[in-house]
Amino acid sequence: MSDPRTSEALRRMVREVLQDVLPHDGSAPPVAAAPPTPGPPEVRRVRVDDDADLADVVTQVLNLAEDPGRAADLRTGRIRFSLEPGEPSTAGTPRPLDIERGAVTERVVQQAARERRPLRVGPRAVITPLARDRARALGVTIDRSSTQGKEPR
């Protein structure tokens, strides 16, 4: 997850969960009663590519919060979560609508827009001017690379 907007959205969601879960209104036992763990901060590397990964992070936080000492470590920043670097997930990326040959019409563009899929157009396909205008208006991307070896439409 290298997109800073996605990372910030994730941090905001985790903060909201922590605010709901961790007592912060004085009802919690004093932090002095459960001293933080000595030593360097604990950094837990997590990867969040989908809802299941996010649920796993929240479960980790909830489990830590059950122990007053570990909850104090969370509050003071002695336990931190850091996003694991890696390639962004392609799980939610729609498969392109491949057109190897023939005419790419407005109807094809509208289908791609309905299915939220980009168009991949082969060298023997022709894009009509109205289809190109409709694609621009609907935000459908058109990739002019070859569809060789792909499943044609």
Foldseek 3Di string as FASTA:
>chain_A
DPDVVVVVVLVVVLVVLCPVQADDPPPDPDCVVQDADDDAAAEAEAADQDPVSSVVVSVVLNVLRVDSRSVSCVVVVSYYYDYDDDDHDCPVPDDAQEAAAEEDELVNLVVCLVVVHAHEYHPHYHYDPRNVVSCVVSVHHYHPYHCPPHDHD
